[in-house]
Amino acid sequence: MTVKCIEFYVYKVTDPARAARARESAMKAIGTYDGFRSWRGLASIEEPNLFIDYVEWQDADAARAAQKTFCADPRTRDFMAAIESMVAMSHCEQTAALAA
């Protein structure tokens, strides 16, 4: 199935090790949500407290519904608590693919 919505988050954490563990737990929870396709978690090399998450959804409606569920899901509380500040967040459509 084609991915129709890509969600990305750029955020800062206070404790990178704690945040990475909490993110792993949150990834397991998100994996059960309707319309979920994949989640790639990244950490900046130059700035260890800066994390980036790239999440693929079936469509924008699934992404929006998951956002509401995520905020109320007890399995994601530790992850949300590990986030110090949000730098950027957006829902995007893939418009072109790069050839490798």
N, C-alpha and C. Protein backbone atom coordinates (compact mmCIF):
# COMPACT_ATOMS: atom_id res chain seq x y z
N MET A 1 0.84 -1.19 0.00
CA MET A 1 0.00 0.00 0.00
C MET A 1 0.89 1.25 0.00
N THR A 2 0.51 2.25 -0.75
CA THR A 2 1.26 3.49 -0.84
C THR A 2 1.06 4.34 0.42
N VAL A 3 2.16 4.91 0.90
CA VAL A 3 2.08 5.81 2.04
C VAL A 3 1.51 7.13 1.55
N LYS A 4 0.50 7.63 2.25
CA LYS A 4 -0.12 8.87 1.83
C LYS A 4 0.16 10.02 2.79
N CYS A 5 0.70 9.71 3.98
CA CYS A 5 0.98 10.78 4.93
C CYS A 5 2.28 10.46 5.68
N ILE A 6 3.15 11.42 5.70
CA ILE A 6 4.39 11.32 6.46
C ILE A 6 4.35 12.38 7.54
N GLU A 7 4.64 11.95 8.73
CA GLU A 7 4.61 12.85 9.90
C GLU A 7 6.04 12.95 10.41
N PHE A 8 6.49 14.18 10.68
CA PHE A 8 7.82 14.28 11.27
C PHE A 8 7.79 15.19 12.49
N TYR A 9 8.66 14.84 13.42
CA TYR A 9 8.81 15.59 14.67
C TYR A 9 10.29 15.85 14.89
N VAL A 10 10.62 17.06 15.26
CA VAL A 10 11.97 17.41 15.68
C VAL A 10 11.81 17.96 17.08
N TYR A 11 12.54 17.38 18.04
CA TYR A 11 12.35 17.77 19.44
C TYR A 11 13.64 17.58 20.24
N LYS A 12 13.68 18.25 21.38
CA LYS A 12 14.82 18.14 22.28
C LYS A 12 14.41 17.36 23.52
N VAL A 13 15.35 16.60 24.04
CA VAL A 13 15.13 15.81 25.24
C VAL A 13 16.16 16.19 26.29
N THR A 14 15.85 15.94 27.55
CA THR A 14 16.80 16.27 28.61
C THR A 14 17.81 15.16 28.84
N ASP A 15 17.39 13.92 28.67
CA ASP A 15 18.24 12.76 28.91
C ASP A 15 18.13 11.83 27.70
N PRO A 16 19.10 11.87 26.77
CA PRO A 16 19.00 11.08 25.55
C PRO A 16 18.84 9.57 25.78
N ALA A 17 19.52 9.01 26.75
CA ALA A 17 19.41 7.56 27.00
C ALA A 17 17.99 7.20 27.46
N ARG A 18 17.48 7.98 28.39
CA ARG A 18 16.11 7.75 28.88
C ARG A 18 15.09 7.93 27.76
N ALA A 19 15.28 8.98 26.97
CA ALA A 19 14.35 9.26 25.87
C ALA A 19 14.38 8.14 24.83
N ALA A 20 15.56 7.60 24.54
CA ALA A 20 15.67 6.52 23.56
C ALA A 20 14.93 5.27 24.05
N ARG A 21 15.05 4.95 25.33
CA ARG A 21 14.32 3.80 25.89
C ARG A 21 12.81 4.03 25.84
N ALA A 22 12.39 5.23 26.21
CA ALA A 22 10.96 5.56 26.19
C ALA A 22 10.42 5.55 24.77
N ARG A 23 11.24 6.00 23.83
CA ARG A 23 10.80 6.01 22.43
C ARG A 23 10.58 4.58 21.94
N GLU A 24 11.43 3.66 22.33
CA GLU A 24 11.26 2.25 21.94
C GLU A 24 9.90 1.72 22.41
N SER A 25 9.52 2.04 23.64
CA SER A 25 8.22 1.61 24.17
C SER A 25 7.08 2.26 23.39
N ALA A 26 7.23 3.55 23.10
CA ALA A 26 6.19 4.26 22.35
C ALA A 26 6.05 3.69 20.94
N MET A 27 7.18 3.29 20.34
CA MET A 27 7.13 2.71 19.00
C MET A 27 6.30 1.43 18.99
N LYS A 28 6.43 0.63 20.04
CA LYS A 28 5.64 -0.60 20.13
C LYS A 28 4.15 -0.27 20.21
N ALA A 29 3.81 0.75 20.97
CA ALA A 29 2.41 1.16 21.10
C ALA A 29 1.87 1.66 19.76
N ILE A 30 2.61 2.55 19.12
CA ILE A 30 2.18 3.13 17.84
C ILE A 30 1.99 2.04 16.79
N GLY A 31 2.80 1.00 16.87
CA GLY A 31 2.69 -0.09 15.91
C GLY A 31 1.35 -0.79 15.92
N THR A 32 0.56 -0.59 16.96
CA THR A 32 -0.78 -1.20 17.05
C THR A 32 -1.88 -0.29 16.53
N TYR A 33 -1.55 0.96 16.20
CA TYR A 33 -2.57 1.93 15.76
C TYR A 33 -2.98 1.68 14.31
N ASP A 34 -4.26 1.92 14.03
CA ASP A 34 -4.79 1.77 12.66
C ASP A 34 -4.06 2.71 11.71
N GLY A 35 -3.70 2.20 10.56
CA GLY A 35 -3.08 3.01 9.52
C GLY A 35 -1.59 3.21 9.67
N PHE A 36 -0.97 2.66 10.72
CA PHE A 36 0.48 2.80 10.92
C PHE A 36 1.24 2.01 9.86
N ARG A 37 2.32 2.61 9.35
CA ARG A 37 3.18 1.93 8.38
C ARG A 37 4.60 1.74 8.92
N SER A 38 5.23 2.80 9.41
CA SER A 38 6.59 2.66 9.95
C SER A 38 6.98 3.90 10.75
N TRP A 39 8.02 3.74 11.56
CA TRP A 39 8.55 4.85 12.38
C TRP A 39 10.06 4.71 12.38
N ARG A 40 10.73 5.76 11.96
CA ARG A 40 12.19 5.82 12.00
C ARG A 40 12.58 6.86 13.03
N GLY A 41 13.34 6.45 14.01
CA GLY A 41 13.81 7.37 15.05
C GLY A 41 15.27 7.70 14.82
N LEU A 42 15.58 8.99 14.85
CA LEU A 42 16.94 9.47 14.62
C LEU A 42 17.40 10.32 15.79
N ALA A 43 18.71 10.36 16.02
CA ALA A 43 19.31 11.25 17.01
C ALA A 43 20.45 12.00 16.33
N SER A 44 20.52 13.27 16.58
CA SER A 44 21.55 14.11 15.97
C SER A 44 22.94 13.70 16.46
N ILE A 45 23.90 13.67 15.56
CA ILE A 45 25.29 13.38 15.93
C ILE A 45 25.91 14.60 16.60
N GLU A 46 25.65 15.77 16.05
CA GLU A 46 26.24 17.00 16.58
C GLU A 46 25.57 17.48 17.86
N GLU A 47 24.30 17.20 18.00
CA GLU A 47 23.54 17.68 19.15
C GLU A 47 22.76 16.49 19.75
N PRO A 48 23.38 15.75 20.68
CA PRO A 48 22.79 14.50 21.18
C PRO A 48 21.39 14.63 21.79
N ASN A 49 21.01 15.81 22.22
CA ASN A 49 19.68 16.00 22.82
C ASN A 49 18.61 16.28 21.77
N LEU A 50 18.98 16.31 20.50
CA LEU A 50 18.04 16.58 19.41
C LEU A 50 17.64 15.27 18.75
N PHE A 51 16.35 14.97 18.77
CA PHE A 51 15.81 13.76 18.16
C PHE A 51 14.90 14.15 17.01
N ILE A 52 14.80 13.24 16.03
CA ILE A 52 13.90 13.42 14.89
C ILE A 52 13.17 12.10 14.68
N ASP A 53 11.86 12.17 14.53
CA ASP A 53 11.06 11.00 14.25
C ASP A 53 10.34 11.19 12.93
N TYR A 54 10.38 10.15 12.10
CA TYR A 54 9.77 10.14 10.78
C TYR A 54 8.77 8.97 10.80
N VAL A 55 7.49 9.29 10.74
CA VAL A 55 6.45 8.26 10.88
C VAL A 55 5.59 8.25 9.62
N GLU A 56 5.37 7.05 9.08
CA GLU A 56 4.57 6.89 7.88
C GLU A 56 3.20 6.32 8.24
N TRP A 57 2.17 6.92 7.63
CA TRP A 57 0.78 6.51 7.87
C TRP A 57 0.09 6.20 6.55
N GLN A 58 -0.95 5.41 6.64
CA GLN A 58 -1.76 5.07 5.46
C GLN A 58 -2.33 6.34 4.82
N ASP A 59 -2.81 7.26 5.66
CA ASP A 59 -3.37 8.51 5.16
C ASP A 59 -3.38 9.55 6.29
N ALA A 60 -3.74 10.77 5.95
CA ALA A 60 -3.74 11.87 6.92
C ALA A 60 -4.75 11.64 8.04
N ASP A 61 -5.88 11.03 7.72
CA ASP A 61 -6.88 10.75 8.76
C ASP A 61 -6.33 9.80 9.81
N ALA A 62 -5.61 8.78 9.38
CA ALA A 62 -5.00 7.83 10.33
C ALA A 62 -3.97 8.54 11.19
N ALA A 63 -3.19 9.43 10.60
CA ALA A 63 -2.17 10.17 11.35
C ALA A 63 -2.82 11.06 12.40
N ARG A 64 -3.87 11.75 12.03
CA ARG A 64 -4.55 12.64 12.99
C ARG A 64 -5.22 11.85 14.12
N ALA A 65 -5.84 10.73 13.77
CA ALA A 65 -6.47 9.89 14.80
C ALA A 65 -5.41 9.34 15.75
N ALA A 66 -4.28 8.95 15.21
CA ALA A 66 -3.20 8.41 16.04
C ALA A 66 -2.65 9.47 16.99
N GLN A 67 -2.59 10.69 16.54
CA GLN A 67 -2.09 11.78 17.38
C GLN A 67 -2.96 11.91 18.64
N LYS A 68 -4.26 11.82 18.47
CA LYS A 68 -5.17 11.91 19.62
C LYS A 68 -5.01 10.69 20.54
N THR A 69 -4.93 9.52 19.94
CA THR A 69 -4.77 8.29 20.71
C THR A 69 -3.45 8.31 21.47
N PHE A 70 -2.38 8.74 20.80
CA PHE A 70 -1.04 8.79 21.38
C PHE A 70 -1.03 9.61 22.67
N CYS A 71 -1.68 10.76 22.64
CA CYS A 71 -1.69 11.65 23.81
C CYS A 71 -2.43 11.05 25.00
N ALA A 72 -3.36 10.16 24.76
CA ALA A 72 -4.14 9.55 25.84
C ALA A 72 -3.65 8.14 26.21
N ASP A 73 -2.71 7.62 25.46
CA ASP A 73 -2.24 6.24 25.64
C ASP A 73 -1.25 6.16 26.81
N PRO A 74 -1.55 5.38 27.85
CA PRO A 74 -0.62 5.27 28.98
C PRO A 74 0.73 4.67 28.59
N ARG A 75 0.79 3.96 27.47
CA ARG A 75 2.06 3.37 27.01
C ARG A 75 3.02 4.40 26.45
N THR A 76 2.55 5.62 26.22
CA THR A 76 3.42 6.66 25.63
C THR A 76 3.78 7.77 26.62
N ARG A 77 3.28 7.66 27.84
CA ARG A 77 3.51 8.73 28.84
C ARG A 77 4.98 8.98 29.13
N ASP A 78 5.77 7.92 29.30
CA ASP A 78 7.19 8.10 29.60
C ASP A 78 7.90 8.82 28.45
N PHE A 79 7.51 8.49 27.24
CA PHE A 79 8.12 9.14 26.08
C PHE A 79 7.76 10.63 26.05
N MET A 80 6.50 10.95 26.25
CA MET A 80 6.10 12.37 26.25
C MET A 80 6.80 13.13 27.37
N ALA A 81 6.99 12.48 28.52
CA ALA A 81 7.66 13.13 29.65
C ALA A 81 9.14 13.36 29.37
N ALA A 82 9.73 12.58 28.48
CA ALA A 82 11.16 12.72 28.15
C ALA A 82 11.43 13.90 27.21
N ILE A 83 10.38 14.42 26.59
CA ILE A 83 10.54 15.53 25.62
C ILE A 83 10.58 16.86 26.36
N GLU A 84 11.67 17.58 26.16
CA GLU A 84 11.84 18.89 26.79
C GLU A 84 11.12 19.97 26.00
N SER A 85 11.30 19.96 24.68
CA SER A 85 10.65 20.97 23.85
C SER A 85 10.50 20.46 22.41
N MET A 86 9.43 20.91 21.77
CA MET A 86 9.17 20.55 20.39
C MET A 86 9.76 21.66 19.51
N VAL A 87 10.57 21.28 18.53
CA VAL A 87 11.18 22.23 17.61
C VAL A 87 10.30 22.40 16.37
N ALA A 88 9.82 21.28 15.83
CA ALA A 88 8.96 21.33 14.64
C ALA A 88 8.15 20.05 14.56
N MET A 89 6.97 20.16 13.94
CA MET A 89 6.09 19.01 13.71
C MET A 89 5.25 19.32 12.49
N SER A 90 5.06 18.31 11.63
CA SER A 90 4.21 18.54 10.46
C SER A 90 3.72 17.22 9.89
N HIS A 91 2.56 17.27 9.23
CA HIS A 91 2.06 16.17 8.41
C HIS A 91 2.35 16.54 6.97
N CYS A 92 2.92 15.61 6.21
CA CYS A 92 3.35 15.90 4.84
C CYS A 92 2.87 14.82 3.89
N GLU A 93 2.76 15.20 2.63
CA GLU A 93 2.50 14.24 1.57
C GLU A 93 3.78 14.06 0.79
N GLN A 94 4.02 12.85 0.37
CA GLN A 94 5.20 12.60 -0.46
C GLN A 94 4.89 13.08 -1.87
N THR A 95 5.73 13.96 -2.40
CA THR A 95 5.45 14.53 -3.71
C THR A 95 6.38 13.98 -4.79
N ALA A 96 7.53 13.46 -4.42
CA ALA A 96 8.47 12.93 -5.38
C ALA A 96 9.39 11.95 -4.70
N ALA A 97 9.94 11.05 -5.45
CA ALA A 97 10.89 10.08 -4.90
C ALA A 97 12.25 10.29 -5.56
N LEU A 98 13.29 10.20 -4.78
CA LEU A 98 14.65 10.27 -5.32
C LEU A 98 15.07 8.89 -5.78
N ALA A 99 15.72 8.85 -6.90
CA ALA A 99 16.29 7.58 -7.37
C ALA A 99 17.61 7.35 -6.65
N ALA A 100 17.82 6.14 -6.22
CA ALA A 100 19.06 5.83 -5.48
C ALA A 100 20.21 5.62 -6.43
